[in-house]
Protein backbone atom coordinates (compact mmCIF):
# COMPACT_ATOMS: atom_id res chain seq x y z
CA MET A 1 -23.43 -98.88 -7.05
CA LYS A 2 -20.07 -97.45 -6.16
CA SER A 3 -18.57 -98.82 -9.37
CA THR A 4 -21.53 -97.81 -11.57
CA LEU A 5 -21.39 -94.03 -11.06
CA PRO A 6 -17.64 -93.81 -11.86
CA ALA A 7 -18.27 -95.95 -14.93
CA ILE A 8 -20.95 -93.53 -16.10
CA LEU A 9 -18.65 -90.58 -15.53
CA PHE A 10 -15.75 -92.33 -17.28
CA ALA A 11 -17.94 -93.20 -20.27
CA THR A 12 -19.09 -89.60 -20.48
CA LEU A 13 -15.48 -88.44 -20.32
CA LEU A 14 -14.54 -90.76 -23.18
CA THR A 15 -17.35 -89.46 -25.35
CA THR A 16 -16.50 -85.82 -24.68
CA SER A 17 -14.72 -84.49 -27.76
CA SER A 18 -13.30 -81.37 -26.12
CA THR A 19 -9.54 -81.12 -25.71
CA HIS A 20 -9.88 -78.48 -22.99
CA ALA A 21 -9.32 -79.02 -19.30
CA LEU A 22 -11.84 -81.27 -17.65
CA ASP A 23 -14.81 -79.35 -16.28
CA PHE A 24 -16.24 -81.64 -13.60
CA GLY A 25 -19.45 -79.59 -13.36
CA SER A 26 -20.17 -80.03 -17.06
CA LEU A 27 -19.22 -83.67 -16.83
CA MET A 28 -21.71 -84.21 -14.00
CA GLN A 29 -24.42 -82.43 -15.97
CA GLN A 30 -23.76 -84.64 -18.99
CA ALA A 31 -23.81 -87.79 -16.88
CA ALA A 32 -26.71 -86.68 -14.69
CA PRO A 33 -29.56 -88.43 -16.56
CA ALA A 34 -27.83 -91.82 -16.41
CA ALA A 35 -26.52 -91.21 -12.91
CA ASP A 36 -30.00 -90.20 -11.72
CA ALA A 37 -31.40 -93.48 -13.00
CA VAL A 38 -28.73 -95.42 -11.11
CA MET A 39 -29.14 -93.36 -7.94
CA ALA A 40 -32.93 -93.65 -7.99
CA ASN A 41 -32.62 -97.44 -7.96
CA THR A 42 -30.28 -97.67 -4.97
CA SER A 43 -30.75 -97.51 -1.24
CA VAL A 44 -29.16 -94.06 -1.26
CA GLY A 45 -31.61 -92.86 -3.89
CA SER A 46 -34.51 -94.23 -1.86
CA ASN A 47 -33.36 -92.45 1.31
CA PRO A 48 -36.24 -90.35 2.73
CA LEU A 49 -34.04 -87.24 2.83
CA ILE A 50 -33.12 -87.59 -0.84
CA LYS A 51 -36.74 -88.22 -1.82
CA ASN A 52 -37.83 -85.17 0.18
CA LEU A 53 -35.19 -82.94 -1.43
CA THR A 54 -36.06 -84.07 -4.95
CA SER A 55 -39.81 -83.62 -4.50
CA SER A 56 -39.69 -80.40 -2.45
CA LEU A 57 -36.86 -78.55 -4.17
CA GLY A 58 -37.13 -80.00 -7.67
CA VAL A 59 -33.53 -81.20 -7.78
CA THR A 60 -32.34 -84.45 -9.33
CA PRO A 61 -31.33 -87.41 -7.16
CA THR A 62 -27.69 -86.79 -8.10
CA GLN A 63 -27.97 -83.14 -7.03
CA ALA A 64 -29.73 -84.12 -3.80
CA ILE A 65 -27.07 -86.68 -2.92
CA GLY A 66 -24.17 -84.45 -3.97
CA GLY A 67 -25.51 -81.43 -2.09
CA THR A 68 -26.22 -83.49 1.01
CA ALA A 69 -22.75 -85.05 0.94
CA ALA A 70 -21.20 -81.59 0.54
CA LEU A 71 -23.15 -80.27 3.54
CA LEU A 72 -22.22 -83.29 5.65
CA GLY A 73 -18.56 -82.91 4.70
CA GLU A 74 -18.67 -79.26 5.66
CA ALA A 75 -20.38 -80.04 8.98
CA LYS A 76 -17.80 -82.73 9.70
CA LYS A 77 -15.00 -80.15 9.45
CA ASP A 78 -16.51 -78.06 12.25
CA MET A 79 -17.91 -80.79 14.51
CA LYS A 80 -16.05 -82.64 17.20
CA PRO A 81 -15.04 -86.04 15.79
CA SER A 82 -16.89 -87.79 18.63
CA ASN A 83 -20.11 -85.92 17.80
CA PHE A 84 -19.83 -86.72 14.11
CA LYS A 85 -19.15 -90.38 14.90
CA SER A 86 -22.15 -90.44 17.23
CA MET A 87 -24.33 -89.03 14.47
CA THR A 88 -23.17 -91.54 11.87
CA SER A 89 -23.63 -94.36 14.38
CA SER A 90 -27.20 -93.34 15.14
CA ILE A 91 -28.04 -92.71 11.46
CA PRO A 92 -26.07 -95.23 9.33
CA ALA A 93 -27.54 -93.75 6.14
CA ILE A 94 -25.33 -90.67 6.70
CA GLY A 95 -22.24 -92.74 5.89
CA SER A 96 -23.93 -94.13 2.80
CA LEU A 97 -24.81 -90.65 1.60
CA MET A 98 -21.26 -89.42 2.11
CA SER A 99 -19.71 -92.40 0.35
CA ALA A 100 -22.12 -92.20 -2.60
CA VAL A 101 -20.15 -89.36 -4.16
CA PRO A 102 -16.47 -88.43 -4.20
CA ALA A 103 -15.30 -86.24 -1.35
CA GLY A 104 -15.54 -82.63 -2.37
CA SER A 105 -12.88 -80.01 -2.12
CA GLY A 106 -13.10 -76.26 -2.21
CA THR A 107 -15.82 -74.09 -0.80
CA LEU A 108 -19.32 -75.34 -0.14
CA THR A 109 -20.52 -73.03 -2.92
CA SER A 110 -18.08 -74.57 -5.40
CA GLN A 111 -19.07 -78.08 -4.35
CA PHE A 112 -22.75 -77.25 -4.97
CA ALA A 113 -21.82 -75.71 -8.33
CA LYS A 114 -20.27 -79.04 -9.39
CA TYR A 115 -23.79 -80.45 -9.29
CA GLY A 116 -25.36 -77.50 -11.08
CA LEU A 117 -26.76 -76.09 -7.83
CA LYS A 118 -26.80 -72.35 -7.21
CA PRO A 119 -25.39 -70.95 -3.93
CA GLU A 120 -28.86 -70.15 -2.58
CA MET A 121 -29.64 -73.88 -2.61
CA ILE A 122 -27.30 -74.32 0.37
CA ASP A 123 -29.78 -72.47 2.57
CA LYS A 124 -32.64 -74.50 1.11
CA PHE A 125 -30.91 -77.88 1.67
CA THR A 126 -29.77 -77.15 5.24
CA PRO A 127 -33.16 -77.29 7.03
CA PHE A 128 -34.00 -80.58 5.30
CA LEU A 129 -30.71 -82.07 6.49
CA THR A 130 -31.00 -80.80 10.06
CA ASP A 131 -34.60 -82.02 10.31
CA TYR A 132 -33.54 -85.43 9.00
CA ILE A 133 -30.76 -85.64 11.58
CA SER A 134 -32.98 -84.35 14.42
CA THR A 135 -35.57 -87.01 13.60
CA GLY A 136 -33.08 -89.84 13.04
CA SER A 137 -30.86 -89.03 16.00
CA THR A 138 -31.74 -86.29 18.48
CA PRO A 139 -32.82 -82.65 18.19
CA ALA A 140 -29.54 -81.73 19.89
CA MET A 141 -27.57 -83.47 17.13
CA GLY A 142 -29.55 -81.55 14.52
CA LYS A 143 -28.62 -78.31 16.32
CA LEU A 144 -24.92 -79.32 16.33
CA VAL A 145 -25.01 -79.84 12.57
CA GLU A 146 -26.89 -76.59 12.06
CA ALA A 147 -24.29 -74.72 14.14
CA ALA A 148 -21.44 -76.36 12.20
CA LEU A 149 -22.95 -75.16 8.92
CA LYS A 150 -23.22 -71.49 9.96
């Protein structure tokens, strides 16, 4: 799976006729249908959190995974390393979600925009993520992630 998504993005890049600077957001939107098919057929795409986000919020699997990874990356910045490690140990799928997409840079809003998600989606994604972590780990861990994202 890790090699399939970059291949889809690379193929989309090759077929893009524009000579302008690469717009990763547009590239993701062009590759989204193929990437969604790949993601939907992987263990990451079948993750209960991703399924819940896609059905409840009407986002694509790629958007659900990208938004979740962006939120987790943001939480990681503000959490104690030992707490983050404890979370990923108790919920191994967290590591899979984070490694499913390239590490984001910039603001959380700009990371969401790369996946065609509006800023208000951050507030919609967050409760799904904290509930998933509270259920998979402990309610206290869910609170730590929630606090890190404020």
